[in-house]
Protein backbone atom coordinates (compact mmCIF):
# COMPACT_ATOMS: atom_id res chain seq x y z
CA MET A 1 0.11 -0.03 0.00
CA ARG A 2 2.56 2.46 0.99
CA ILE A 3 4.93 1.79 -2.04
CA LEU A 4 2.00 2.45 -4.45
CA LEU A 5 0.75 5.39 -2.80
CA ALA A 6 4.86 6.15 -2.98
CA ILE A 7 4.99 5.90 -6.30
CA ALA A 8 1.67 7.97 -6.79
CA CYS A 9 3.98 11.05 -5.30
CA VAL A 10 6.70 10.76 -7.30
CA SER A 11 4.86 10.67 -10.62
CA ALA A 12 2.67 13.55 -9.76
CA GLN A 13 5.85 15.92 -8.44
CA LEU A 14 7.65 14.58 -12.41
CA SER A 15 3.45 15.26 -13.56
CA LEU A 16 3.86 19.05 -12.90
CA LEU A 17 6.66 19.13 -15.87
CA SER A 18 4.90 17.41 -17.84
CA SER A 19 2.43 19.40 -20.62
CA GLY A 20 0.51 15.84 -21.52
CA ARG A 21 -2.42 15.37 -19.80
CA PRO A 22 -5.60 12.06 -20.86
CA ARG A 23 -8.59 13.56 -22.21
CA TRP A 24 -11.63 13.12 -19.94
CA HIS A 25 -15.04 12.74 -21.28
CA LEU A 26 -17.99 13.86 -18.67
CA LYS A 27 -21.37 13.59 -18.67
CA HIS A 28 -23.79 15.40 -16.38
CA HIS A 29 -27.13 13.69 -14.10
CA HIS A 30 -28.94 16.27 -12.72
CA ASP A 31 -30.21 14.91 -9.13
CA ILE A 32 -28.85 16.25 -6.40
CA ASN A 33 -32.46 17.77 -5.23
CA SER A 34 -31.58 19.33 -1.66
CA GLU A 35 -30.52 22.79 -2.32
CA ALA A 36 -31.23 25.67 -0.34
CA THR A 37 -32.08 29.10 -2.23
CA GLU A 38 -30.11 31.80 -2.74
CA ALA A 39 -31.72 33.80 0.18
CA ASP A 40 -31.72 31.14 2.27
CA LEU A 41 -27.87 30.61 1.68
CA ASP A 42 -27.44 34.59 2.40
CA THR A 43 -29.41 34.51 5.47
CA GLN A 44 -27.60 31.01 6.94
CA THR A 45 -24.38 32.73 5.59
CA ALA A 46 -24.57 36.17 7.86
CA ALA A 47 -25.23 34.13 10.95
CA ALA A 48 -22.21 31.85 10.89
CA THR A 49 -19.91 31.36 13.55
CA ALA A 50 -16.52 32.78 12.47
CA SER A 51 -14.10 30.01 12.02
CA ASN A 52 -11.06 28.94 10.39
CA HIS A 53 -13.88 27.34 7.92
CA HIS A 54 -16.36 30.31 8.34
CA GLY A 55 -19.11 27.80 9.04
CA GLY A 56 -19.47 27.45 4.78
CA LEU A 57 -17.60 25.21 2.06
CA THR A 58 -14.10 26.78 0.89
CA ILE A 59 -12.69 25.55 -1.81
CA VAL A 60 -9.18 25.28 -3.12
CA TRP A 61 -8.98 25.52 -6.82
CA ASP A 62 -6.30 24.72 -9.31
CA MET A 63 -5.33 26.97 -12.01
CA ASP A 64 -3.40 25.50 -15.18
CA GLU A 65 -5.59 23.16 -16.97
CA THR A 66 -9.01 23.58 -14.39
CA MET A 67 -9.20 27.17 -15.00
CA ILE A 68 -7.46 28.03 -17.83
CA HIS A 69 -4.81 26.75 -20.53
CA GLY A 70 -1.30 28.35 -21.52
CA MET A 71 -0.08 27.78 -25.07
CA LYS A 72 2.42 29.33 -27.56
CA SER A 73 0.64 29.42 -30.77
CA GLY A 74 -2.01 26.96 -32.56
CA PRO A 75 -5.93 27.23 -33.62
CA ILE A 76 -8.85 28.34 -30.63
CA ASP A 77 -12.04 26.82 -30.76
CA ARG A 78 -15.05 29.41 -31.34
CA GLY A 79 -16.72 29.76 -27.80
CA VAL A 80 -13.12 29.95 -26.09
CA THR A 81 -12.10 33.63 -24.97
CA TYR A 82 -8.35 34.15 -24.71
CA PHE A 83 -5.90 36.93 -23.69
CA GLN A 84 -2.13 37.47 -23.75
CA HIS A 85 0.13 36.87 -20.98
CA PRO A 86 1.80 40.01 -19.63
CA TRP A 87 5.06 38.25 -18.67
CA THR A 88 7.70 38.94 -21.01
CA PRO A 89 10.65 36.66 -20.42
CA ASP A 90 7.84 33.46 -20.75
CA THR A 91 8.14 32.44 -24.50
CA THR A 92 6.49 29.70 -24.17
CA HIS A 93 3.13 29.90 -22.92
CA ARG A 94 1.88 33.43 -23.98
CA THR A 95 -1.90 33.04 -24.81
CA VAL A 96 -4.19 32.06 -21.74
CA LEU A 97 -7.52 30.42 -23.13
CA VAL A 98 -9.98 30.69 -20.53
CA ARG A 99 -12.48 27.38 -19.72
CA PRO A 100 -16.17 28.12 -20.99
CA HIS A 101 -18.16 28.92 -18.28
CA ILE A 102 -16.09 29.11 -15.28
CA ILE A 103 -16.22 32.67 -14.94
CA SER A 104 -19.72 32.41 -14.34
CA PHE A 105 -19.56 29.23 -12.25
CA LEU A 106 -17.30 31.36 -9.59
CA LYS A 107 -19.48 33.98 -9.51
CA GLN A 108 -22.27 31.71 -8.67
CA LEU A 109 -20.28 30.71 -5.77
CA LYS A 110 -19.04 33.69 -4.94
CA GLY A 111 -22.41 34.58 -5.41
CA ILE A 112 -23.77 31.54 -2.29
CA GLY A 113 -21.08 32.95 0.22
CA VAL A 114 -18.62 30.29 -0.50
CA ARG A 115 -14.80 31.33 -0.08
CA MET A 116 -12.16 30.69 -2.63
CA LEU A 117 -9.13 30.36 -2.97
CA VAL A 118 -6.26 29.70 -5.50
CA TRP A 119 -3.31 27.11 -5.05
CA SER A 120 -1.18 26.91 -8.16
CA ALA A 121 1.71 24.50 -9.59
CA GLY A 122 3.13 27.46 -11.10
CA VAL A 123 5.25 30.62 -10.12
CA ALA A 124 3.38 33.75 -8.90
CA ASP A 125 4.77 36.03 -11.78
CA TRP A 126 2.52 33.58 -14.42
CA VAL A 127 0.17 32.85 -11.98
CA ASP A 128 -0.48 36.46 -10.66
CA PRO A 129 -1.31 38.52 -13.97
CA ILE A 130 -3.63 35.41 -14.87
CA ILE A 131 -5.93 35.06 -11.33
CA ASP A 132 -6.05 38.87 -11.69
CA ARG A 133 -8.02 39.27 -15.23
CA LEU A 134 -10.01 36.33 -14.08
CA GLU A 135 -11.21 38.21 -11.23
CA THR A 136 -11.85 41.37 -13.31
CA ASP A 137 -13.35 39.65 -15.98
CA ALA A 138 -15.78 38.43 -13.23
CA GLY A 139 -16.45 41.88 -11.86
CA PHE A 140 -14.23 41.84 -8.72
CA THR A 141 -11.21 43.59 -8.01
CA PRO A 142 -7.87 41.52 -7.41
CA ARG A 143 -8.06 39.16 -4.29
CA GLU A 144 -12.06 39.86 -3.83
CA LEU A 145 -12.99 36.62 -5.48
CA PHE A 146 -10.50 34.48 -4.53
CA PHE A 147 -9.12 35.59 -0.74
CA ALA A 148 -5.84 33.89 -0.79
CA ARG A 149 -3.30 32.46 -3.33
CA PHE A 150 -0.44 29.71 -3.27
CA TYR A 151 2.38 28.55 -5.68
CA TYR A 152 4.42 25.94 -6.45
CA SER A 153 6.64 27.06 -3.43
CA ASP A 154 3.75 26.47 -0.81
CA MET A 155 3.82 22.81 -2.36
CA ARG A 156 7.31 22.69 -1.63
CA GLU A 157 6.70 23.12 1.82
CA THR A 158 4.71 20.33 2.19
CA ALA A 159 6.19 16.91 2.92
CA ALA A 160 4.32 15.23 0.63
CA GLY A 161 5.31 18.03 -2.17
CA LEU A 162 1.47 18.07 -3.02
CA LYS A 163 -1.53 20.17 -2.50
CA ASP A 164 -2.05 18.55 1.22
CA LEU A 165 -5.21 20.31 2.93
CA GLY A 166 -3.84 19.64 6.32
CA TRP A 167 -1.52 22.06 5.56
CA SER A 168 -1.10 24.74 8.49
CA GLY A 169 0.27 27.03 6.36
CA LEU A 170 -3.59 27.39 4.40
CA PRO A 171 -5.70 30.14 6.08
CA THR A 172 -7.58 26.89 7.12
CA LYS A 173 -4.65 25.91 9.40
CA GLY A 174 -5.38 22.19 7.99
CA ASP A 175 -8.44 22.36 9.24
CA VAL A 176 -10.38 20.26 6.51
CA SER A 177 -13.77 19.19 7.81
CA HIS A 178 -15.22 22.47 5.24
CA THR A 179 -13.02 22.12 2.29
CA VAL A 180 -12.80 20.97 -0.85
CA LEU A 181 -9.97 20.73 -3.87
CA ILE A 182 -10.78 20.98 -7.54
CA ASP A 183 -8.01 19.96 -9.48
CA ASP A 184 -7.70 18.05 -12.97
CA MET A 185 -4.21 16.42 -11.54
CA VAL A 186 -5.30 12.94 -9.74
CA GLN A 187 -2.04 13.03 -7.94
CA GLN A 188 -3.32 15.99 -5.91
CA GLY A 189 -6.27 14.30 -4.14
CA LEU A 190 -4.30 11.58 -2.60
CA CYS A 191 -3.64 12.86 0.40
CA GLN A 192 -7.03 14.26 1.30
CA PRO A 193 -9.02 11.94 -1.11
CA GLN A 194 -12.59 12.15 0.99
CA ASN A 195 -12.41 16.13 -0.34
CA PHE A 196 -10.87 16.06 -3.92
CA LEU A 197 -13.61 17.12 -6.57
CA PRO A 198 -11.22 15.84 -9.62
CA VAL A 199 -12.59 17.63 -13.13
CA PRO A 200 -11.10 16.69 -16.84
CA PRO A 201 -8.49 19.09 -17.96
CA PHE A 202 -8.85 21.96 -20.19
CA ILE A 203 -6.70 21.72 -22.79
CA GLY A 204 -8.05 24.71 -24.71
CA ARG A 205 -10.89 23.43 -26.64
CA TYR A 206 -14.26 23.38 -26.42
CA ASP A 207 -16.70 20.72 -24.81
CA THR A 208 -20.40 20.79 -24.66
CA ASN A 209 -19.98 18.29 -22.00
CA ASP A 210 -17.75 20.80 -19.39
CA PRO A 211 -18.00 20.23 -15.83
CA PHE A 212 -18.63 24.74 -14.98
CA GLU A 213 -22.25 24.83 -16.82
CA SER A 214 -24.27 26.62 -14.05
CA ASP A 215 -26.85 23.83 -13.85
CA GLY A 216 -24.64 21.07 -14.22
CA GLN A 217 -23.72 18.42 -11.36
CA LEU A 218 -20.51 20.01 -10.05
CA MET A 219 -22.41 23.05 -8.73
CA GLN A 220 -24.55 21.20 -7.23
CA THR A 221 -22.47 19.25 -5.87
CA LEU A 222 -20.71 22.31 -4.30
CA ARG A 223 -24.03 24.06 -3.24
CA TYR A 224 -25.16 21.09 -1.64
CA LEU A 225 -22.56 20.84 0.65
CA HIS A 226 -22.40 24.42 1.25
CA SER A 227 -25.88 24.81 2.28
CA GLN A 228 -25.62 21.66 4.32
CA LEU A 229 -22.16 23.00 6.24
CA ILE A 230 -23.95 26.15 6.94
CA ALA A 231 -27.42 24.88 8.08
CA GLY A 232 -25.10 22.59 10.70
CA ARG A 233 -26.56 19.29 9.05
CA LEU A 234 -23.36 18.68 8.10
CA THR A 235 -20.48 18.84 10.18
CA ASP A 236 -17.38 17.41 7.94
CA VAL A 237 -17.60 17.33 4.26
CA ARG A 238 -15.77 13.94 5.34
CA CYS A 239 -19.13 12.85 7.13
CA ALA A 240 -21.92 10.78 5.64
CA GLU A 241 -24.16 12.99 3.69
CA GLY A 242 -20.92 14.54 2.35
CA GLU A 243 -18.74 11.80 1.73
CA PHE A 244 -21.72 9.98 -0.31
CA THR A 245 -21.93 13.57 -2.21
CA VAL A 246 -18.00 13.51 -2.83
CA GLY A 247 -17.61 10.32 -3.71
CA LYS A 248 -20.96 10.13 -5.96
CA TRP A 249 -19.23 12.93 -8.40
CA GLN A 250 -16.07 11.00 -8.14
CA GLN A 251 -17.75 8.08 -9.80
CA GLN A 252 -18.69 9.78 -12.67
CA PRO A 253 -18.18 8.49 -16.18
CA GLY A 254 -14.86 9.38 -17.35
CA ILE A 255 -13.98 10.65 -13.97
CA ALA A 256 -14.42 6.74 -12.00
CA GLU A 257 -12.38 5.16 -14.56
CA ILE A 258 -9.07 7.62 -14.20
CA LEU A 259 -9.49 7.40 -10.55
CA ALA A 260 -9.00 3.62 -10.88
CA LYS A 261 -5.94 3.75 -12.83
CA HIS A 262 -4.57 5.74 -9.81
CA TYR A 263 -5.03 2.92 -7.64
CA TRP A 264 -8.01 5.01 -6.03
CA ALA A 265 -9.78 2.54 -4.06
CA GLN A 266 -6.99 1.51 -2.31
CA VAL A 267 -5.42 5.11 -1.54
CA SER A 268 -8.95 6.26 -0.32
CA ALA A 269 -9.28 3.35 2.20
CA MET A 270 -5.84 4.21 3.78
CA SER A 271 -6.50 5.02 7.53
CA VAL A 272 -5.34 8.61 8.58
CA GLU A 273 -2.02 6.93 10.32
CA GLU A 274 -1.35 5.33 6.87
CA ARG A 275 -0.64 8.26 5.32
CA LYS A 276 0.72 10.42 7.91
CA LYS A 277 4.17 7.40 6.99
CA GLU A 278 3.49 8.86 3.46
CA GLN A 279 4.17 12.09 4.89
CA CYS A 280 0.57 13.36 4.04
CA ILE A 281 0.14 15.67 7.06
CA GLY A 282 -3.43 14.06 7.64
CA PRO A 283 -6.14 15.57 9.70
CA GLU A 284 -8.49 13.58 13.10
CA GLU A 285 -10.53 11.37 11.89
CA PRO A 286 -13.72 13.28 11.10
CA LYS A 287 -16.19 13.84 14.74
CA CYS A 288 -19.78 12.72 12.12
CA ALA A 289 -22.99 12.97 14.10
CA ALA A 290 -24.87 10.05 15.32
CA GLY A 291 -25.37 7.56 12.55
CA PHE A 292 -22.80 9.29 10.36
CA SER A 293 -19.66 7.16 9.01
CA SER A 294 -15.94 7.65 8.85
CA PHE A 295 -15.00 7.65 5.06
CA GLN A 296 -13.47 4.19 5.25
CA ALA A 297 -16.37 2.60 6.40
CA SER A 298 -18.52 4.05 3.93
CA GLY A 299 -18.19 1.77 0.99
CA VAL A 300 -18.17 4.91 -1.78
CA ALA A 301 -14.47 4.42 -2.96
CA VAL A 302 -14.35 3.72 -6.90
CA GLU A 303 -13.36 -0.34 -6.88
CA ALA A 304 -10.17 -0.47 -9.12
CA ASP A 305 -10.26 -3.13 -11.94
């Protein structure tokens, strides 16, 4: 088990230097019906107790191939907006293509009170102009939409060399109970698989099945988690309702197959102590209300072939 995860962690670090990504195909399923209205969420957000997680959901966003795609030259699909990166020393990826629907997706999340930060595998000189532009295009001032930014240098501060949500350097101080990670790289979810929402990589092409449509399954998943946390009906995204919701996303067609290739069933079944041995800063087991189970006991993990 430890060998598998160690191999995966090494693979993750090597993958950060590679531009070759597999193409995923995703279909939407609109079957999460328990949603609070925006008015309900506004009221509940205002009443939430201040803490590391502010009562509601905090999303840690990847940037490259999740929200944007950088390229030197080539055709651009209709429906894909783009701009030129101002970082003149970079001669490789000057054109920045923006993922369709991502701006409206982010605005909708901000509108219901979800907190968001960026954790990129890139350097600040590459990341900051792009995030500034995305925030401006969404109608916000820089650092208003995303309240914090982290970079490759911060990943190197974690023992595993990954986006470890248990790292105390994050604004959440390692509290993962209200936090999820959205990333196109499966390896980045290894430290906290219960909190991981993988997405298909964006490589500059327009996809009619893109997961960031405002009425798609991913938005419903995030709205549901946020509303349940705010209302106090869910205390930890790793508890029964939360783990079922996250696990259901991980089993979406196209995503489940990719996760299985990365030994996801074995990785997700590892105990907190086993993760700590692999240098993940594993948080404590979730304190779930009566009737709520732990992630390992639920059986929602994707089975490997």
